[in-house]
């Protein structure tokens, strides 16, 4: 799992491998962020390592929240991908898998019945 950050003013989602399956970290994060002026709610999903913070964007900026997480060692913004990068990576992986599948299918059909038909099994 990599680091992920998505912000819409008033709503910040962070994913971090440090949070995933770590109840102590989740409890500490929820406690410390909830005390910050301008934070409305803090929700943590231990299974995914996701932290969702609803905040008043006039009182606190999302990078203030991110800075706190970085200082405490729970997030690394230099390793984080944003929503666009995340979707691009997912689409690239899906495209590569589909491309391989199509190539394999057509190669198998083209080689069927030829002396090279054994190669279709390897593709």
PDB file of N, CA and C in Angstrom:
ATOM      1  N   UNK A   1       0.831  -1.179   0.000  1.00  0.00           N
ATOM      2  CA  UNK A   1       0.000   0.000   0.000  1.00  0.00           C
ATOM      3  C   UNK A   1       0.875   1.242   0.000  1.00  0.00           C
ATOM      4  N   UNK A   2       0.509   2.204  -0.798  1.00  0.00           N
ATOM      5  CA  UNK A   2       1.266   3.438  -0.840  1.00  0.00           C
ATOM      6  C   UNK A   2       0.510   4.546  -0.107  1.00  0.00           C
ATOM      7  N   UNK A   3       1.132   5.691  -0.037  1.00  0.00           N
ATOM      8  CA  UNK A   3       0.511   6.849   0.577  1.00  0.00           C
ATOM      9  C   UNK A   3      -0.392   7.524  -0.456  1.00  0.00           C
ATOM     10  N   UNK A   4      -1.524   8.021   0.005  1.00  0.00           N
ATOM     11  CA  UNK A   4      -2.504   8.635  -0.880  1.00  0.00           C
ATOM     12  C   UNK A   4      -3.113   9.835  -0.178  1.00  0.00           C
ATOM     13  N   UNK A   5      -3.359  10.905  -0.962  1.00  0.00           N
ATOM     14  CA  UNK A   5      -3.980  12.085  -0.390  1.00  0.00           C
ATOM     15  C   UNK A   5      -4.963  12.675  -1.395  1.00  0.00           C
ATOM     16  N   UNK A   6      -6.160  12.964  -0.930  1.00  0.00           N
ATOM     17  CA  UNK A   6      -7.159  13.631  -1.760  1.00  0.00           C
ATOM     18  C   UNK A   6      -7.843  14.680  -0.904  1.00  0.00           C
ATOM     19  N   UNK A   7      -7.869  15.898  -1.410  1.00  0.00           N
ATOM     20  CA  UNK A   7      -8.469  16.984  -0.657  1.00  0.00           C
ATOM     21  C   UNK A   7      -9.481  17.745  -1.498  1.00  0.00           C
ATOM     22  N   UNK A   8     -10.627  17.945  -0.912  1.00  0.00           N
ATOM     23  CA  UNK A   8     -11.633  18.878  -1.397  1.00  0.00           C
ATOM     24  C   UNK A   8     -11.825  19.808  -0.205  1.00  0.00           C
ATOM     25  N   UNK A   9     -11.811  21.116  -0.406  1.00  0.00           N
ATOM     26  CA  UNK A   9     -11.909  21.996   0.766  1.00  0.00           C
ATOM     27  C   UNK A   9     -12.995  21.545   1.747  1.00  0.00           C
ATOM     28  N   UNK A  10     -12.553  21.265   2.966  1.00  0.00           N
ATOM     29  CA  UNK A  10     -13.459  20.798   4.005  1.00  0.00           C
ATOM     30  C   UNK A  10     -13.433  19.292   4.222  1.00  0.00           C
ATOM     31  N   UNK A  11     -12.753  18.584   3.311  1.00  0.00           N
ATOM     32  CA  UNK A  11     -12.715  17.115   3.408  1.00  0.00           C
ATOM     33  C   UNK A  11     -11.360  16.601   2.918  1.00  0.00           C
ATOM     34  N   UNK A  12     -10.630  15.946   3.794  1.00  0.00           N
ATOM     35  CA  UNK A  12      -9.304  15.420   3.466  1.00  0.00           C
ATOM     36  C   UNK A  12      -9.288  13.917   3.714  1.00  0.00           C
ATOM     37  N   UNK A  13      -8.878  13.170   2.692  1.00  0.00           N
ATOM     38  CA  UNK A  13      -8.698  11.725   2.854  1.00  0.00           C
ATOM     39  C   UNK A  13      -7.213  11.421   2.691  1.00  0.00           C
ATOM     40  N   UNK A  14      -6.711  10.680   3.643  1.00  0.00           N
ATOM     41  CA  UNK A  14      -5.312  10.245   3.662  1.00  0.00           C
ATOM     42  C   UNK A  14      -5.322   8.727   3.788  1.00  0.00           C
ATOM     43  N   UNK A  15      -4.455   8.065   3.025  1.00  0.00           N
ATOM     44  CA  UNK A  15      -4.224   6.637   3.244  1.00  0.00           C
ATOM     45  C   UNK A  15      -2.748   6.469   3.542  1.00  0.00           C
ATOM     46  N   UNK A  16      -2.490   5.663   4.553  1.00  0.00           N
ATOM     47  CA  UNK A  16      -1.117   5.474   4.990  1.00  0.00           C
ATOM     48  C   UNK A  16      -0.917   4.053   5.499  1.00  0.00           C
ATOM     49  N   UNK A  17       0.179   3.416   5.090  1.00  0.00           N
ATOM     50  CA  UNK A  17       0.458   2.079   5.616  1.00  0.00           C
ATOM     51  C   UNK A  17       0.742   2.095   7.113  1.00  0.00           C
ATOM     52  N   UNK A  18       1.086   3.244   7.655  1.00  0.00           N
ATOM     53  CA  UNK A  18       1.365   3.357   9.088  1.00  0.00           C
ATOM     54  C   UNK A  18       0.067   3.230   9.896  1.00  0.00           C
ATOM     55  N   UNK A  19      -1.036   3.676   9.309  1.00  0.00           N
ATOM     56  CA  UNK A  19      -2.334   3.629   9.993  1.00  0.00           C
ATOM     57  C   UNK A  19      -2.977   2.248   9.867  1.00  0.00           C
ATOM     58  N   UNK A  20      -2.728   1.589   8.753  1.00  0.00           N
ATOM     59  CA  UNK A  20      -3.394   0.318   8.451  1.00  0.00           C
ATOM     60  C   UNK A  20      -3.167  -0.718   9.553  1.00  0.00           C
ATOM     61  N   UNK A  21      -4.282  -1.249  10.062  1.00  0.00           N
ATOM     62  CA  UNK A  21      -4.281  -2.301  11.091  1.00  0.00           C
ATOM     63  C   UNK A  21      -3.546  -1.920  12.375  1.00  0.00           C
ATOM     64  N   UNK A  22      -3.457  -0.621  12.659  1.00  0.00           N
ATOM     65  CA  UNK A  22      -2.749  -0.169  13.853  1.00  0.00           C
ATOM     66  C   UNK A  22      -3.697   0.658  14.729  1.00  0.00           C
ATOM     67  N   UNK A  23      -4.393  -0.018  15.626  1.00  0.00           N
ATOM     68  CA  UNK A  23      -5.393   0.633  16.471  1.00  0.00           C
ATOM     69  C   UNK A  23      -4.790   1.713  17.365  1.00  0.00           C
ATOM     70  N   UNK A  24      -3.587   1.494  17.868  1.00  0.00           N
ATOM     71  CA  UNK A  24      -2.952   2.497  18.730  1.00  0.00           C
ATOM     72  C   UNK A  24      -2.721   3.800  17.985  1.00  0.00           C
ATOM     73  N   UNK A  25      -2.222   3.695  16.759  1.00  0.00           N
ATOM     74  CA  UNK A  25      -1.995   4.887  15.937  1.00  0.00           C
ATOM     75  C   UNK A  25      -3.326   5.564  15.636  1.00  0.00           C
ATOM     76  N   UNK A  26      -4.332   4.780  15.274  1.00  0.00           N
ATOM     77  CA  UNK A  26      -5.648   5.329  14.949  1.00  0.00           C
ATOM     78  C   UNK A  26      -6.233   6.089  16.139  1.00  0.00           C
ATOM     79  N   UNK A  27      -6.137   5.506  17.310  1.00  0.00           N
ATOM     80  CA  UNK A  27      -6.664   6.166  18.512  1.00  0.00           C
ATOM     81  C   UNK A  27      -5.925   7.467  18.796  1.00  0.00           C
ATOM     82  N   UNK A  28      -4.612   7.432  18.676  1.00  0.00           N
ATOM     83  CA  UNK A  28      -3.807   8.628  18.938  1.00  0.00           C
ATOM     84  C   UNK A  28      -4.116   9.715  17.906  1.00  0.00           C
ATOM     85  N   UNK A  29      -4.233   9.329  16.644  1.00  0.00           N
ATOM     86  CA  UNK A  29      -4.550  10.299  15.589  1.00  0.00           C
ATOM     87  C   UNK A  29      -5.916  10.938  15.807  1.00  0.00           C
ATOM     88  N   UNK A  30      -6.893  10.115  16.074  1.00  0.00           N
ATOM     89  CA  UNK A  30      -8.247  10.619  16.277  1.00  0.00           C
ATOM     90  C   UNK A  30      -8.281  11.599  17.448  1.00  0.00           C
ATOM     91  N   UNK A  31      -7.606  11.249  18.505  1.00  0.00           N
ATOM     92  CA  UNK A  31      -7.567  12.092  19.700  1.00  0.00           C
ATOM     93  C   UNK A  31      -6.877  13.425  19.407  1.00  0.00           C
ATOM     94  N   UNK A  32      -5.701  13.384  18.799  1.00  0.00           N
ATOM     95  CA  UNK A  32      -4.949  14.621  18.578  1.00  0.00           C
ATOM     96  C   UNK A  32      -5.588  15.509  17.506  1.00  0.00           C
ATOM     97  N   UNK A  33      -6.131  14.926  16.439  1.00  0.00           N
ATOM     98  CA  UNK A  33      -6.751  15.742  15.399  1.00  0.00           C
ATOM     99  C   UNK A  33      -8.087  16.318  15.857  1.00  0.00           C
ATOM    100  N   UNK A  34      -8.824  15.576  16.654  1.00  0.00           N
ATOM    101  CA  UNK A  34     -10.125  16.050  17.129  1.00  0.00           C
ATOM    102  C   UNK A  34      -9.990  17.289  18.017  1.00  0.00           C
ATOM    103  N   UNK A  35      -8.854  17.456  18.655  1.00  0.00           N
ATOM    104  CA  UNK A  35      -8.625  18.611  19.521  1.00  0.00           C
ATOM    105  C   UNK A  35      -8.225  19.859  18.735  1.00  0.00           C
ATOM    106  N   UNK A  36      -7.880  19.705  17.473  1.00  0.00           N
ATOM    107  CA  UNK A  36      -7.452  20.828  16.639  1.00  0.00           C
ATOM    108  C   UNK A  36      -8.654  21.705  16.278  1.00  0.00           C
ATOM    109  N   UNK A  37      -8.515  23.001  16.448  1.00  0.00           N
ATOM    110  CA  UNK A  37      -9.594  23.936  16.137  1.00  0.00           C
ATOM    111  C   UNK A  37      -9.927  23.861  14.636  1.00  0.00           C
ATOM    112  N   UNK A  38     -11.201  23.680  14.345  1.00  0.00           N
ATOM    113  CA  UNK A  38     -11.651  23.632  12.954  1.00  0.00           C
ATOM    114  C   UNK A  38     -11.909  22.231  12.442  1.00  0.00           C
ATOM    115  N   UNK A  39     -11.540  21.211  13.207  1.00  0.00           N
ATOM    116  CA  UNK A  39     -11.784  19.822  12.808  1.00  0.00           C
ATOM    117  C   UNK A  39     -13.187  19.434  13.271  1.00  0.00           C
ATOM    118  N   UNK A  40     -14.021  18.996  12.331  1.00  0.00           N
ATOM    119  CA  UNK A  40     -15.392  18.593  12.670  1.00  0.00           C
ATOM    120  C   UNK A  40     -15.438  17.116  13.052  1.00  0.00           C
ATOM    121  N   UNK A  41     -14.943  16.249  12.161  1.00  0.00           N
ATOM    122  CA  UNK A  41     -14.949  14.808  12.438  1.00  0.00           C
ATOM    123  C   UNK A  41     -13.665  14.166  11.933  1.00  0.00           C
ATOM    124  N   UNK A  42     -13.305  13.072  12.567  1.00  0.00           N
ATOM    125  CA  UNK A  42     -12.155  12.264  12.161  1.00  0.00           C
ATOM    126  C   UNK A  42     -12.626  10.820  12.140  1.00  0.00           C
ATOM    127  N   UNK A  43     -12.602  10.214  10.965  1.00  0.00           N
ATOM    128  CA  UNK A  43     -12.992   8.813  10.822  1.00  0.00           C
ATOM    129  C   UNK A  43     -11.805   8.026  10.291  1.00  0.00           C
ATOM    130  N   UNK A  44     -11.577   6.862  10.888  1.00  0.00           N
ATOM    131  CA  UNK A  44     -10.439   6.033  10.496  1.00  0.00           C
ATOM    132  C   UNK A  44     -10.921   4.627  10.174  1.00  0.00           C
ATOM    133  N   UNK A  45     -10.464   4.110   9.044  1.00  0.00           N
ATOM    134  CA  UNK A  45     -10.746   2.737   8.653  1.00  0.00           C
ATOM    135  C   UNK A  45      -9.434   1.965   8.784  1.00  0.00           C
ATOM    136  N   UNK A  46      -9.343   1.126   9.798  1.00  0.00           N
ATOM    137  CA  UNK A  46      -8.109   0.371  10.046  1.00  0.00           C
ATOM    138  C   UNK A  46      -7.803  -0.633   8.939  1.00  0.00           C
ATOM    139  N   UNK A  47      -8.839  -1.179   8.328  1.00  0.00           N
ATOM    140  CA  UNK A  47      -8.638  -2.182   7.283  1.00  0.00           C
ATOM    141  C   UNK A  47      -7.915  -1.603   6.077  1.00  0.00           C
ATOM    142  N   UNK A  48      -8.270  -0.373   5.700  1.00  0.00           N
ATOM    143  CA  UNK A  48      -7.669   0.251   4.517  1.00  0.00           C
ATOM    144  C   UNK A  48      -6.547   1.221   4.862  1.00  0.00           C
ATOM    145  N   UNK A  49      -6.439   1.600   6.128  1.00  0.00           N
ATOM    146  CA  UNK A  49      -5.437   2.594   6.515  1.00  0.00           C
ATOM    147  C   UNK A  49      -5.857   3.991   6.098  1.00  0.00           C
ATOM    148  N   UNK A  50      -7.163   4.207   6.023  1.00  0.00           N
ATOM    149  CA  UNK A  50      -7.703   5.467   5.537  1.00  0.00           C
ATOM    150  C   UNK A  50      -8.144   6.370   6.681  1.00  0.00           C
ATOM    151  N   UNK A  51      -7.809   7.628   6.560  1.00  0.00           N
ATOM    152  CA  UNK A  51      -8.168   8.644   7.530  1.00  0.00           C
ATOM    153  C   UNK A  51      -8.987   9.697   6.795  1.00  0.00           C
ATOM    154  N   UNK A  52     -10.205   9.945   7.245  1.00  0.00           N
ATOM    155  CA  UNK A  52     -11.066  10.945   6.635  1.00  0.00           C
ATOM    156  C   UNK A  52     -11.309  12.052   7.655  1.00  0.00           C
ATOM    157  N   UNK A  53     -10.912  13.262   7.277  1.00  0.00           N
ATOM    158  CA  UNK A  53     -11.051  14.406   8.169  1.00  0.00           C
ATOM    159  C   UNK A  53     -11.981  15.421   7.519  1.00  0.00           C
ATOM    160  N   UNK A  54     -13.073  15.731   8.196  1.00  0.00           N
ATOM    161  CA  UNK A  54     -13.956  16.816   7.783  1.00  0.00           C
ATOM    162  C   UNK A  54     -13.585  18.022   8.624  1.00  0.00           C
ATOM    163  N   UNK A  55     -13.325  19.142   7.954  1.00  0.00           N
ATOM    164  CA  UNK A  55     -12.826  20.310   8.663  1.00  0.00           C
ATOM    165  C   UNK A  55     -13.417  21.591   8.081  1.00  0.00           C
ATOM    166  N   UNK A  56     -13.308  22.665   8.848  1.00  0.00           N
ATOM    167  CA  UNK A  56     -13.747  23.979   8.408  1.00  0.00           C
ATOM    168  C   UNK A  56     -12.556  24.623   7.693  1.00  0.00           C
ATOM    169  N   UNK A  57     -12.670  24.776   6.377  1.00  0.00           N
ATOM    170  CA  UNK A  57     -11.541  25.273   5.585  1.00  0.00           C
ATOM    171  C   UNK A  57     -11.225  26.745   5.874  1.00  0.00           C
ATOM    172  N   UNK A  58     -12.096  27.429   6.589  1.00  0.00           N
ATOM    173  CA  UNK A  58     -11.803  28.815   6.980  1.00  0.00           C
ATOM    174  C   UNK A  58     -10.975  28.860   8.256  1.00  0.00           C
ATOM    175  N   UNK A  59     -11.019  27.789   9.029  1.00  0.00           N
ATOM    176  CA  UNK A  59     -10.295  27.730  10.303  1.00  0.00           C
ATOM    177  C   UNK A  59      -8.952  27.026  10.197  1.00  0.00           C
ATOM    178  N   UNK A  60      -8.889  26.010   9.332  1.00  0.00           N
ATOM    179  CA  UNK A  60      -7.667  25.216   9.209  1.00  0.00           C
ATOM    180  C   UNK A  60      -7.477  24.825   7.741  1.00  0.00           C
ATOM    181  N   UNK A  61      -6.262  24.785   7.316  1.00  0.00           N
ATOM    182  CA  UNK A  61      -5.931  24.388   5.936  1.00  0.00           C
ATOM    183  C   UNK A  61      -5.545  22.913   5.914  1.00  0.00           C
ATOM    184  N   UNK A  62      -5.812  22.259   4.797  1.00  0.00           N
ATOM    185  CA  UNK A  62      -5.524  20.822   4.728  1.00  0.00           C
ATOM    186  C   UNK A  62      -4.040  20.536   4.922  1.00  0.00           C
ATOM    187  N   UNK A  63      -3.173  21.434   4.464  1.00  0.00           N
ATOM    188  CA  UNK A  63      -1.735  21.190   4.629  1.00  0.00           C
ATOM    189  C   UNK A  63      -1.304  21.316   6.095  1.00  0.00           C
ATOM    190  N   UNK A  64      -2.063  22.043   6.893  1.00  0.00           N
ATOM    191  CA  UNK A  64      -1.780  22.078   8.342  1.00  0.00           C
ATOM    192  C   UNK A  64      -2.002  20.689   8.939  1.00  0.00           C
ATOM    193  N   UNK A  65      -3.071  20.040   8.500  1.00  0.00           N
ATOM    194  CA  UNK A  65      -3.378  18.683   8.975  1.00  0.00           C
ATOM    195  C   UNK A  65      -2.307  17.704   8.489  1.00  0.00           C
ATOM    196  N   UNK A  66      -1.944  17.827   7.209  1.00  0.00           N
ATOM    197  CA  UNK A  66      -0.909  16.961   6.627  1.00  0.00           C
ATOM    198  C   UNK A  66       0.419  17.160   7.348  1.00  0.00           C
ATOM    199  N   UNK A  67       0.751  18.402   7.662  1.00  0.00           N
ATOM    200  CA  UNK A  67       2.003  18.686   8.381  1.00  0.00           C
ATOM    201  C   UNK A  67       2.039  17.996   9.742  1.00  0.00           C
ATOM    202  N   UNK A  68       0.915  18.009  10.446  1.00  0.00           N
ATOM    203  CA  UNK A  68       0.840  17.321  11.743  1.00  0.00           C
ATOM    204  C   UNK A  68       1.085  15.826  11.554  1.00  0.00           C
ATOM    205  N   UNK A  69       0.434  15.248  10.558  1.00  0.00           N
ATOM    206  CA  UNK A  69       0.607  13.815  10.294  1.00  0.00           C
ATOM    207  C   UNK A  69       2.049  13.478   9.935  1.00  0.00           C
ATOM    208  N   UNK A  70       2.686  14.348   9.176  1.00  0.00           N
ATOM    209  CA  UNK A  70       4.095  14.119   8.798  1.00  0.00           C
ATOM    210  C   UNK A  70       5.007  14.218  10.012  1.00  0.00           C
ATOM    211  N   UNK A  71       4.818  15.246  10.815  1.00  0.00           N
ATOM    212  CA  UNK A  71       5.668  15.429  11.999  1.00  0.00           C
ATOM    213  C   UNK A  71       5.571  14.243  12.948  1.00  0.00           C
ATOM    214  N   UNK A  72       4.386  13.644  13.042  1.00  0.00           N
ATOM    215  CA  UNK A  72       4.189  12.494  13.925  1.00  0.00           C
ATOM    216  C   UNK A  72       4.641  11.182  13.275  1.00  0.00           C
ATOM    217  N   UNK A  73       5.020  11.245  11.988  1.00  0.00           N
ATOM    218  CA  UNK A  73       5.522  10.061  11.303  1.00  0.00           C
ATOM    219  C   UNK A  73       4.445   9.158  10.722  1.00  0.00           C
ATOM    220  N   UNK A  74       3.226   9.669  10.587  1.00  0.00           N
ATOM    221  CA  UNK A  74       2.112   8.865  10.088  1.00  0.00           C
ATOM    222  C   UNK A  74       1.877   9.012   8.587  1.00  0.00           C
ATOM    223  N   UNK A  75       2.527   9.980   7.967  1.00  0.00           N
ATOM    224  CA  UNK A  75       2.300  10.240   6.551  1.00  0.00           C
ATOM    225  C   UNK A  75       3.570  10.791   5.929  1.00  0.00           C
ATOM    226  N   UNK A  76       3.806  10.439   4.661  1.00  0.00           N
ATOM    227  CA  UNK A  76       4.961  10.947   3.931  1.00  0.00           C
ATOM    228  C   UNK A  76       4.455  11.543   2.623  1.00  0.00           C
ATOM    229  N   UNK A  77       4.328  12.867   2.605  1.00  0.00           N
ATOM    230  CA  UNK A  77       3.773  13.549   1.435  1.00  0.00           C
ATOM    231  C   UNK A  77       4.646  13.352   0.196  1.00  0.00           C
ATOM    232  N   UNK A  78       5.944  13.131   0.371  1.00  0.00           N
ATOM    233  CA  UNK A  78       6.827  12.938  -0.785  1.00  0.00           C
ATOM    234  C   UNK A  78       6.549  11.613  -1.498  1.00  0.00           C
ATOM    235  N   UNK A  79       5.908  10.669  -0.809  1.00  0.00           N
ATOM    236  CA  UNK A  79       5.573   9.375  -1.399  1.00  0.00           C
ATOM    237  C   UNK A  79       4.093   9.266  -1.774  1.00  0.00           C
ATOM    238  N   UNK A  80       3.345  10.329  -1.525  1.00  0.00           N
ATOM    239  CA  UNK A  80       1.896  10.282  -1.722  1.00  0.00           C
ATOM    240  C   UNK A  80       1.511  10.519  -3.173  1.00  0.00           C
ATOM    241  N   UNK A  81       0.485   9.817  -3.596  1.00  0.00           N
ATOM    242  CA  UNK A  81      -0.120  10.060  -4.910  1.00  0.00           C
ATOM    243  C   UNK A  81      -1.459  10.750  -4.668  1.00  0.00           C
ATOM    244  N   UNK A  82      -1.850  11.557  -5.653  1.00  0.00           N
ATOM    245  CA  UNK A  82      -3.160  12.189  -5.537  1.00  0.00           C
ATOM    246  C   UNK A  82      -4.168  11.384  -6.343  1.00  0.00           C
ATOM    247  N   UNK A  83      -5.390  11.828  -6.377  1.00  0.00           N
ATOM    248  CA  UNK A  83      -6.459  11.086  -7.034  1.00  0.00           C
ATOM    249  C   UNK A  83      -6.172  10.851  -8.514  1.00  0.00           C
ATOM    250  N   UNK A  84      -5.695  11.876  -9.221  1.00  0.00           N
ATOM    251  CA  UNK A  84      -5.407  11.735 -10.649  1.00  0.00           C
ATOM    252  C   UNK A  84      -4.311  10.699 -10.903  1.00  0.00           C
ATOM    253  N   UNK A  85      -3.242  10.749 -10.108  1.00  0.00           N
ATOM    254  CA  UNK A  85      -2.156   9.782 -10.262  1.00  0.00           C
ATOM    255  C   UNK A  85      -2.629   8.369  -9.939  1.00  0.00           C
ATOM    256  N   UNK A  86      -3.447   8.244  -8.910  1.00  0.00           N
ATOM    257  CA  UNK A  86      -3.976   6.941  -8.508  1.00  0.00           C
ATOM    258  C   UNK A  86      -4.805   6.335  -9.633  1.00  0.00           C
ATOM    259  N   UNK A  87      -5.712   7.130 -10.208  1.00  0.00           N
ATOM    260  CA  UNK A  87      -6.547   6.648 -11.314  1.00  0.00           C
ATOM    261  C   UNK A  87      -5.716   6.326 -12.546  1.00  0.00           C
ATOM    262  N   UNK A  88      -4.710   7.152 -12.820  1.00  0.00           N
ATOM    263  CA  UNK A  88      -3.845   6.900 -13.975  1.00  0.00           C
ATOM    264  C   UNK A  88      -3.092   5.582 -13.827  1.00  0.00           C
ATOM    265  N   UNK A  89      -2.561   5.338 -12.645  1.00  0.00           N
ATOM    266  CA  UNK A  89      -1.845   4.080 -12.393  1.00  0.00           C
ATOM    267  C   UNK A  89      -2.769   2.872 -12.540  1.00  0.00           C
ATOM    268  N   UNK A  90      -3.973   2.993 -11.987  1.00  0.00           N
ATOM    269  CA  UNK A  90      -4.938   1.892 -12.075  1.00  0.00           C
ATOM    270  C   UNK A  90      -5.329   1.633 -13.525  1.00  0.00           C
ATOM    271  N   UNK A  91      -5.559   2.700 -14.290  1.00  0.00           N
ATOM    272  CA  UNK A  91      -5.928   2.550 -15.701  1.00  0.00           C
ATOM    273  C   UNK A  91      -4.775   1.958 -16.500  1.00  0.00           C
ATOM    274  N   UNK A  92      -3.560   2.363 -16.194  1.00  0.00           N
ATOM    275  CA  UNK A  92      -2.390   1.820 -16.896  1.00  0.00           C
ATOM    276  C   UNK A  92      -2.237   0.323 -16.640  1.00  0.00           C
ATOM    277  N   UNK A  93      -2.405  -0.078 -15.396  1.00  0.00           N
ATOM    278  CA  UNK A  93      -2.317  -1.506 -15.060  1.00  0.00           C
ATOM    279  C   UNK A  93      -3.413  -2.296 -15.764  1.00  0.00           C
ATOM    280  N   UNK A  94      -4.623  -1.760 -15.741  1.00  0.00           N
ATOM    281  CA  UNK A  94      -5.741  -2.440 -16.397  1.00  0.00           C
ATOM    282  C   UNK A  94      -5.495  -2.537 -17.898  1.00  0.00           C
ATOM    283  N   UNK A  95      -5.008  -1.458 -18.493  1.00  0.00           N
ATOM    284  CA  UNK A  95      -4.716  -1.456 -19.929  1.00  0.00           C
ATOM    285  C   UNK A  95      -3.653  -2.473 -20.291  1.00  0.00           C
ATOM    286  N   UNK A  96      -2.632  -2.586 -19.478  1.00  0.00           N
ATOM    287  CA  UNK A  96      -1.562  -3.551 -19.737  1.00  0.00           C
ATOM    288  C   UNK A  96      -2.098  -4.979 -19.651  1.00  0.00           C
ATOM    289  N   UNK A  97      -2.932  -5.258 -18.659  1.00  0.00           N
ATOM    290  CA  UNK A  97      -3.508  -6.600 -18.524  1.00  0.00           C
ATOM    291  C   UNK A  97      -4.425  -6.947 -19.688  1.00  0.00           C
ATOM    292  N   UNK A  98      -5.230  -5.988 -20.095  1.00  0.00           N
ATOM    293  CA  UNK A  98      -6.129  -6.215 -21.230  1.00  0.00           C
ATOM    294  C   UNK A  98      -5.331  -6.426 -22.498  1.00  0.00           C
ATOM    295  N   UNK A  99      -4.283  -5.625 -22.691  1.00  0.00           N
ATOM    296  CA  UNK A  99      -3.429  -5.769 -23.869  1.00  0.00           C
ATOM    297  C   UNK A  99      -2.781  -7.139 -23.938  1.00  0.00           C
ATOM    298  N   UNK A 100      -2.267  -7.607 -22.824  1.00  0.00           N
ATOM    299  CA  UNK A 100      -1.646  -8.936 -22.775  1.00  0.00           C
ATOM    300  C   UNK A 100      -2.668 -10.020 -23.086  1.00  0.00           C
ATOM    301  N   UNK A 101      -3.848  -9.875 -22.539  1.00  0.00           N
ATOM    302  CA  UNK A 101      -4.902 -10.867 -22.761  1.00  0.00           C
ATOM    303  C   UNK A 101      -5.310 -10.923 -24.227  1.00  0.00           C
ATOM    304  N   UNK A 102      -5.483  -9.755 -24.836  1.00  0.00           N
ATOM    305  CA  UNK A 102      -5.860  -9.703 -26.257  1.00  0.00           C
ATOM    306  C   UNK A 102      -4.757 -10.297 -27.118  1.00  0.00           C
ATOM    307  N   UNK A 103      -3.507  -9.919 -26.840  1.00  0.00           N
ATOM    308  CA  UNK A 103      -2.387 -10.463 -27.612  1.00  0.00           C
ATOM    309  C   UNK A 103      -2.328 -11.980 -27.490  1.00  0.00           C
ATOM    310  N   UNK A 104      -2.483 -12.479 -26.271  1.00  0.00           N
ATOM    311  CA  UNK A 104      -2.422 -13.913 -26.029  1.00  0.00           C
ATOM    312  C   UNK A 104      -3.530 -14.643 -26.790  1.00  0.00           C
ATOM    313  N   UNK A 105      -4.718 -14.076 -26.778  1.00  0.00           N
ATOM    314  CA  UNK A 105      -5.852 -14.698 -27.471  1.00  0.00           C
ATOM    315  C   UNK A 105      -5.600 -14.761 -28.975  1.00  0.00           C
ATOM    316  N   UNK A 106      -5.200 -13.634 -29.563  1.00  0.00           N
ATOM    317  CA  UNK A 106      -4.979 -13.609 -31.004  1.00  0.00           C
ATOM    318  C   UNK A 106      -3.760 -14.429 -31.424  1.00  0.00           C
ATOM    319  N   UNK A 107      -2.727 -14.431 -30.592  1.00  0.00           N
ATOM    320  CA  UNK A 107      -1.554 -15.243 -30.907  1.00  0.00           C
ATOM    321  C   UNK A 107      -1.924 -16.723 -30.890  1.00  0.00           C
ATOM    322  N   UNK A 108      -2.722 -17.115 -29.891  1.00  0.00           N
ATOM    323  CA  UNK A 108      -3.165 -18.506 -29.815  1.00  0.00           C
ATOM    324  C   UNK A 108      -3.997 -18.897 -31.022  1.00  0.00           C
ATOM    325  N   UNK A 109      -4.877 -17.988 -31.457  1.00  0.00           N
ATOM    326  CA  UNK A 109      -5.707 -18.267 -32.634  1.00  0.00           C
ATOM    327  C   UNK A 109      -4.853 -18.340 -33.900  1.00  0.00           C
ATOM    328  N   UNK A 110      -3.868 -17.457 -34.022  1.00  0.00           N
ATOM    329  CA  UNK A 110      -3.017 -17.425 -35.216  1.00  0.00           C
ATOM    330  C   UNK A 110      -2.127 -18.659 -35.301  1.00  0.00           C
ATOM    331  N   UNK A 111      -1.690 -19.162 -34.179  1.00  0.00           N
ATOM    332  CA  UNK A 111      -0.771 -20.303 -34.168  1.00  0.00           C
ATOM    333  C   UNK A 111      -1.495 -21.655 -34.156  1.00  0.00           C
ATOM    334  N   UNK A 112      -2.786 -21.638 -33.912  1.00  0.00           N
ATOM    335  CA  UNK A 112      -3.545 -22.889 -33.804  1.00  0.00           C
ATOM    336  C   UNK A 112      -3.444 -23.690 -35.107  1.00  0.00           C
ATOM    337  N   UNK A 113      -3.111 -24.945 -34.957  1.00  0.00           N
ATOM    338  CA  UNK A 113      -3.014 -25.836 -36.112  1.00  0.00           C
ATOM    339  C   UNK A 113      -1.706 -25.741 -36.870  1.00  0.00           C
ATOM    340  N   UNK A 114      -0.768 -24.922 -36.396  1.00  0.00           N
ATOM    341  CA  UNK A 114       0.537 -24.804 -37.051  1.00  0.00           C
ATOM    342  C   UNK A 114       1.570 -25.556 -36.224  1.00  0.00           C
ATOM    343  N   UNK A 115       2.734 -25.810 -36.818  1.00  0.00           N
ATOM    344  CA  UNK A 115       3.789 -26.467 -36.037  1.00  0.00           C
ATOM    345  C   UNK A 115       4.218 -25.652 -34.806  1.00  0.00           C
ATOM    346  N   UNK A 116       3.879 -24.376 -34.794  1.00  0.00           N
ATOM    347  CA  UNK A 116       4.247 -23.527 -33.657  1.00  0.00           C
ATOM    348  C   UNK A 116       3.127 -23.417 -32.620  1.00  0.00           C
ATOM    349  N   UNK A 117       2.104 -24.240 -32.723  1.00  0.00           N
ATOM    350  CA  UNK A 117       0.954 -24.136 -31.825  1.00  0.00           C
ATOM    351  C   UNK A 117       1.340 -24.338 -30.357  1.00  0.00           C
ATOM    352  N   UNK A 118       2.429 -25.024 -30.105  1.00  0.00           N
ATOM    353  CA  UNK A 118       2.874 -25.198 -28.719  1.00  0.00           C
ATOM    354  C   UNK A 118       3.241 -23.859 -28.076  1.00  0.00           C
ATOM    355  N   UNK A 119       3.603 -22.870 -28.887  1.00  0.00           N
ATOM    356  CA  UNK A 119       3.950 -21.547 -28.353  1.00  0.00           C
ATOM    357  C   UNK A 119       2.734 -20.851 -27.755  1.00  0.00           C
ATOM    358  N   UNK A 120       1.547 -21.172 -28.267  1.00  0.00           N
ATOM    359  CA  UNK A 120       0.341 -20.534 -27.775  1.00  0.00           C
ATOM    360  C   UNK A 120       0.160 -20.810 -26.275  1.00  0.00           C
ATOM    361  N   UNK A 121       0.620 -21.939 -25.822  1.00  0.00           N
ATOM    362  CA  UNK A 121       0.514 -22.301 -24.407  1.00  0.00           C
ATOM    363  C   UNK A 121       1.438 -21.407 -23.581  1.00  0.00           C
ATOM    364  N   UNK A 122       2.571 -21.017 -24.152  1.00  0.00           N
ATOM    365  CA  UNK A 122       3.550 -20.224 -23.418  1.00  0.00           C
ATOM    366  C   UNK A 122       3.178 -18.749 -23.348  1.00  0.00           C
ATOM    367  N   UNK A 123       2.312 -18.305 -24.243  1.00  0.00           N
ATOM    368  CA  UNK A 123       2.005 -16.869 -24.325  1.00  0.00           C
ATOM    369  C   UNK A 123       0.998 -16.470 -23.294  1.00  0.00           C
TER     370      UNK A 123
END
